[in-house]
Structures are given as C-alpha cells and as structure tokens.
Amino acid sequence: MKLNKSKKRFFRGVSGFNKTISRHFLINKTTLLLIVLMIFSCKKGVSDTNRTIGLPYFNSADFTPEWHVLTHKIPDFSFVNQEGVIITNKTFEGGLYIADFFFTSCPGICPTLTKNMRGLQETYKNRDDIKFLSHTVMPWKDSVSVLKDYALKHHVDSKKWHLVTGDKDAIYSIARTGYFADEDFTKTQDESDFIHTENFILVDKQGYIRGVYNGTLEVDVERLKRHVKILQKEI
C-alpha cells in the first residue's frame, strides 16, 4: 500500500514528536536522578558531620576553640571541701565535672551562680559520673565550717558538689592559669586583683576544658546541658 506525500509527512511528524518526547523524558529522568542523588548526598554529609564533630578543646585564655589539639589540662590541685575532705583531680576521675568560682558573702552574681549550679545538681542527681566543683575566692573568710553552713542552706549534695577552700595563692593560680576564669587578670596581669567570674567551666574525663558558659544566663546553662550530652558520647 503506497502512502501519498501528505500522509508520509504526517507520519514523519509523529515519529519526530515521539523522539522529542522520548528525548525530553530521558533528560527529565536523568535530572530527577541527579537531584535525588544530591539530596541523598547532602543528607549523608549532614549526618556524617553530626556524628563526627564533637566539642572543641580550649587551650588558652582567649578561649579559641580547637579540635584535636590537646595541649592544656587542669593542673593538679588539692583543696578541702565543706565536709573537711581533701578534694583532688582524682576525685573526678572517670567522669565530667563543672567548675566555678564564688564566695559565700557575695551579694551580686554568686546567688544566681549557686541557684543555677543547684539546678544542674538536680538535673544530674542520678548520674554518678557528673560532679560539681565550686572554689571560694575568699578562702581567708570561707572556712570549712562556713562552707558547710552555706552548703546546708543551698541544699548542696556533698557527694556530688564540692565547695572547696584552701591556700589563696593556689586557688587564684588555678583559676587564672588552669581554668582561665579571670578575664581581668588576662588583661592586667595584676595578681592582687580579686577574682570574680560568672563562668561555668566544663571539664572532661581527661581533665581538658571542653566548654565555657555564663552561669548567670539560663540560655547558656541549657547550652551546657546539650554539651554534656555530646561529651557523654565520647569514648
């Protein structure tokens, strides 16, 4: 059966149309596949990042975060807590601890620091691997008996939270060179200055500083809690 010219042109047009549709469909399928692969790759990248990136280390007083750089540990110390018990680095072996500096007669930020630390004590009351260490910066007034009265007043659990006193020079030295807790000293290098800081310092199982927080701000205390969860996942 012979086709006239008009019919041949018609079928050629249909054939061309089908090829065009097929070509566009192939392109669309390829584009769709690429988009799916990109989405999957992005999700995998985010998942890998969340899984591998932990808390930084802080090795200097400017608190520049560093990953995989471990050069500064809390120095060896020995102080006396509210129960008259000697507290050293070994007291916190195998667990995390949160440190701060205060004095019992402080009318300013200390009541807020104590309140927020007590809240953390309540949060982790069933966690033996999380403890607290508060150093008095007025050891010439805050004796063991004064710290004991303060602990009773503020419902301090002596098994978890140690309020410590001791030699002034030792306390001030570890505050400044151990915990980097005295910003004024960083600027002035004046050893006679009185230490007054709002910092909570998070220390890991190996004695490295892993976080610094404003202990008077609820939002920073919540950030500390999130970081504790991250740190607990480390081997």
Protein backbone atom coordinates (compact mmCIF):
# COMPACT_ATOMS: atom_id res chain seq x y z
CA MET A 1 0.00 0.00 0.00
CA LYS A 2 1.51 3.30 -1.08
CA LEU A 3 1.22 6.45 1.01
CA ASN A 4 0.72 9.82 -0.59
CA LYS A 5 3.08 12.67 0.28
CA SER A 6 0.80 14.28 2.85
CA LYS A 7 0.44 11.03 4.80
CA LYS A 8 4.20 10.46 4.73
CA ARG A 9 4.77 13.95 6.11
CA PHE A 10 2.19 13.22 8.83
CA PHE A 11 3.88 10.02 9.99
CA ARG A 12 7.32 11.63 9.88
CA GLY A 13 5.95 14.38 12.12
CA VAL A 14 4.51 11.84 14.55
CA SER A 15 7.78 9.94 14.60
CA GLY A 16 9.75 13.14 15.26
CA PHE A 17 7.34 14.11 18.00
CA ASN A 18 7.76 10.72 19.66
CA LYS A 19 11.55 11.06 19.51
CA THR A 20 11.37 14.54 21.02
CA ILE A 21 9.12 13.28 23.83
CA SER A 22 11.45 10.36 24.47
CA ARG A 23 14.49 12.63 24.49
CA HIS A 24 12.88 15.07 26.96
CA PHE A 25 11.69 12.20 29.09
CA LEU A 26 15.22 10.80 29.21
CA ILE A 27 16.59 14.21 30.17
CA ASN A 28 13.94 14.61 32.86
CA LYS A 29 14.69 11.17 34.25
CA THR A 30 18.39 11.95 34.34
CA THR A 31 17.78 15.32 36.01
CA LEU A 32 15.48 13.70 38.56
CA LEU A 33 18.08 11.05 39.32
CA LEU A 34 20.76 13.71 39.82
CA ILE A 35 18.51 15.68 42.18
CA VAL A 36 17.77 12.56 44.23
CA LEU A 37 21.46 11.72 44.44
CA MET A 38 22.31 15.27 45.52
CA ILE A 39 19.67 15.25 48.24
CA PHE A 40 20.86 11.87 49.49
CA SER A 41 24.47 13.05 49.42
CA CYS A 42 23.64 16.23 51.36
CA LYS A 43 21.69 14.30 53.98
CA LYS A 44 24.51 11.82 54.34
CA GLY A 45 27.02 14.66 54.69
CA VAL A 46 24.98 16.32 57.42
CA SER A 47 24.56 13.01 59.20
CA ASP A 48 28.29 12.30 59.00
CA THR A 49 29.10 15.78 60.27
CA ASN A 50 26.76 15.47 63.23
CA ARG A 51 28.22 12.10 64.01
CA THR A 52 31.90 13.01 63.83
CA ILE A 53 32.17 16.60 65.11
CA GLY A 54 32.20 16.88 68.89
CA LEU A 55 33.04 19.61 71.35
CA PRO A 56 36.22 21.64 70.89
CA TYR A 57 39.12 21.92 73.31
CA PHE A 58 40.11 25.22 74.94
CA ASN A 59 43.83 25.59 75.46
CA SER A 60 44.26 29.30 76.16
CA ALA A 61 42.70 32.24 77.99
CA ASP A 62 41.21 33.67 74.81
CA PHE A 63 39.02 30.54 74.60
CA THR A 64 39.70 29.93 70.93
CA PRO A 65 38.00 26.60 70.11
CA GLU A 66 40.33 23.95 68.72
CA TRP A 67 39.54 20.46 67.51
CA HIS A 68 42.01 17.60 68.00
CA VAL A 69 44.51 19.94 69.72
CA LEU A 70 45.08 18.77 73.29
CA THR A 71 47.73 20.91 74.97
CA HIS A 72 46.13 22.19 78.19
CA LYS A 73 44.91 20.16 81.16
CA ILE A 74 43.67 21.34 84.53
CA PRO A 75 46.79 21.26 86.76
CA ASP A 76 47.00 19.04 89.82
CA PHE A 77 45.21 20.53 92.81
CA SER A 78 44.36 19.76 96.40
CA PHE A 79 41.68 21.63 98.35
CA VAL A 80 39.34 20.94 101.28
CA ASN A 81 35.57 20.69 100.84
CA GLN A 82 32.65 21.56 103.14
CA GLU A 83 32.95 18.19 104.86
CA GLY A 84 36.64 18.61 105.62
CA VAL A 85 37.56 16.07 102.90
CA ILE A 86 40.60 16.57 100.66
CA ILE A 87 39.49 17.07 97.03
CA THR A 88 41.96 16.47 94.19
CA ASN A 89 41.87 15.71 90.48
CA LYS A 90 41.41 12.04 91.37
CA THR A 91 38.04 12.90 92.93
CA PHE A 92 36.71 13.43 89.42
CA GLU A 93 38.44 10.56 87.60
CA GLY A 94 36.18 8.69 85.21
CA GLY A 95 33.61 11.45 84.94
CA LEU A 96 32.85 15.00 83.90
CA TYR A 97 32.72 17.97 86.21
CA ILE A 98 31.55 21.57 86.10
CA ALA A 99 33.63 24.15 87.96
CA ASP A 100 33.06 27.74 89.06
CA PHE A 101 34.32 30.39 91.49
CA PHE A 102 32.30 32.18 94.17
CA PHE A 103 32.32 33.36 97.79
CA THR A 104 29.66 32.84 100.41
CA SER A 105 29.07 36.52 101.26
CA CYS A 106 28.80 37.63 97.64
CA PRO A 107 25.71 39.83 97.14
CA GLY A 108 25.97 40.05 93.35
CA ILE A 109 26.21 37.20 90.84
CA CYS A 110 27.03 34.39 93.29
CA PRO A 111 23.45 33.69 94.40
CA THR A 112 22.48 33.22 90.75
CA LEU A 113 25.50 31.01 90.09
CA THR A 114 24.64 28.89 93.12
CA LYS A 115 20.99 28.64 92.09
CA ASN A 116 21.88 27.52 88.57
CA MET A 117 24.51 25.09 89.80
CA ARG A 118 21.92 23.63 92.16
CA GLY A 119 19.61 23.22 89.16
CA LEU A 120 22.34 21.26 87.39
CA GLN A 121 22.81 19.16 90.53
CA GLU A 122 19.11 18.29 90.37
CA THR A 123 19.29 17.52 86.65
CA TYR A 124 22.16 15.07 87.15
CA LYS A 125 21.29 13.80 90.62
CA ASN A 126 21.23 10.19 89.37
CA ARG A 127 24.45 10.48 87.37
CA ASP A 128 27.48 9.46 89.42
CA ASP A 129 29.77 10.44 86.54
CA ILE A 130 28.84 14.13 86.69
CA LYS A 131 30.05 16.25 89.60
CA PHE A 132 30.47 19.91 90.56
CA LEU A 133 33.35 21.93 91.99
CA SER A 134 32.93 25.45 93.42
CA HIS A 135 36.05 27.28 94.63
CA THR A 136 35.76 30.11 97.11
CA VAL A 137 37.79 33.16 96.11
CA MET A 138 37.75 34.37 99.73
CA PRO A 139 39.42 31.43 101.49
CA TRP A 140 40.54 33.69 104.35
CA LYS A 141 36.84 34.03 105.30
CA ASP A 142 35.22 30.93 103.83
CA SER A 143 36.44 28.26 106.21
CA VAL A 144 35.24 24.66 106.12
CA SER A 145 32.53 25.43 108.68
CA VAL A 146 31.34 28.48 106.72
CA LEU A 147 31.17 26.41 103.54
CA LYS A 148 29.28 23.71 105.44
CA ASP A 149 26.63 26.22 106.56
CA TYR A 150 26.37 27.56 103.02
CA ALA A 151 26.01 24.04 101.64
CA LEU A 152 23.18 23.23 104.04
CA LYS A 153 21.41 26.50 103.24
CA HIS A 154 21.55 25.84 99.49
CA HIS A 155 20.83 22.10 99.57
CA VAL A 156 24.24 21.05 98.29
CA ASP A 157 24.71 17.29 97.93
CA SER A 158 28.19 16.76 99.36
CA LYS A 159 28.63 13.54 97.37
CA LYS A 160 28.28 15.38 94.07
CA TRP A 161 29.04 19.04 94.69
CA HIS A 162 32.23 20.12 96.42
CA LEU A 163 32.60 23.64 97.82
CA VAL A 164 36.32 24.00 98.39
CA THR A 165 38.67 26.28 100.26
CA GLY A 166 42.42 26.28 100.69
CA ASP A 167 45.53 28.33 100.09
CA LYS A 168 44.65 31.62 98.38
CA ASP A 169 47.63 31.56 96.02
CA ALA A 170 46.78 28.01 94.93
CA ILE A 171 43.13 28.87 94.28
CA TYR A 172 43.95 32.07 92.40
CA SER A 173 46.65 30.34 90.38
CA ILE A 174 44.40 27.52 89.22
CA ALA A 175 41.61 29.98 88.48
CA ARG A 176 43.86 32.04 86.23
CA THR A 177 46.17 29.51 84.62
CA GLY A 178 44.09 26.35 84.97
CA TYR A 179 40.51 27.35 84.21
CA PHE A 180 41.25 30.75 82.56
CA ALA A 181 38.49 32.10 84.80
CA ASP A 182 39.84 35.60 85.45
CA GLU A 183 39.37 37.90 82.44
CA ASP A 184 40.76 40.94 84.27
CA PHE A 185 44.00 39.10 85.04
CA THR A 186 44.34 38.22 81.35
CA LYS A 187 44.25 41.94 80.58
CA THR A 188 46.19 43.41 83.52
CA GLN A 189 48.35 40.54 84.87
CA ASP A 190 47.75 42.09 88.31
CA GLU A 191 47.91 39.24 90.84
CA SER A 192 46.47 41.42 93.59
CA ASP A 193 43.14 41.76 91.78
CA PHE A 194 40.15 40.00 93.29
CA ILE A 195 38.74 37.16 91.17
CA HIS A 196 35.08 37.45 90.31
CA THR A 197 33.82 35.48 87.34
CA GLU A 198 30.44 34.22 86.14
CA ASN A 199 31.92 31.32 84.16
CA PHE A 200 30.90 27.69 84.45
CA ILE A 201 33.70 25.51 83.05
CA LEU A 202 33.00 22.04 81.65
CA VAL A 203 35.91 19.61 82.15
CA ASP A 204 36.04 16.17 80.55
CA LYS A 205 37.22 12.81 81.89
CA GLN A 206 40.83 13.52 80.92
CA GLY A 207 40.93 16.96 82.55
CA TYR A 208 40.57 19.04 79.38
CA ILE A 209 38.36 22.15 79.19
CA ARG A 210 35.56 21.45 76.69
CA GLY A 211 33.15 24.34 77.28
CA VAL A 212 32.78 27.74 78.94
CA TYR A 213 29.38 29.22 79.81
CA ASN A 214 27.89 32.24 81.52
CA GLY A 215 26.49 30.66 84.66
CA THR A 216 24.08 33.54 85.26
CA LEU A 217 22.23 33.05 81.96
CA GLU A 218 19.58 30.35 81.64
CA VAL A 219 20.18 30.05 77.90
CA ASP A 220 23.87 29.29 78.50
CA VAL A 221 23.03 26.75 81.21
CA GLU A 222 20.78 24.97 78.70
CA ARG A 223 23.63 25.04 76.17
CA LEU A 224 25.87 23.44 78.79
CA LYS A 225 23.33 20.63 79.23
CA ARG A 226 23.33 19.96 75.49
CA HIS A 227 27.11 19.84 75.50
CA VAL A 228 27.15 17.41 78.41
CA LYS A 229 25.09 15.02 76.27
CA ILE A 230 27.60 15.34 73.44
CA LEU A 231 30.54 14.79 75.77
CA GLN A 232 28.97 11.71 77.34
CA LYS A 233 29.01 10.03 73.91
CA GLU A 234 32.78 10.26 73.66
CA ILE A 235 34.72 7.11 74.39
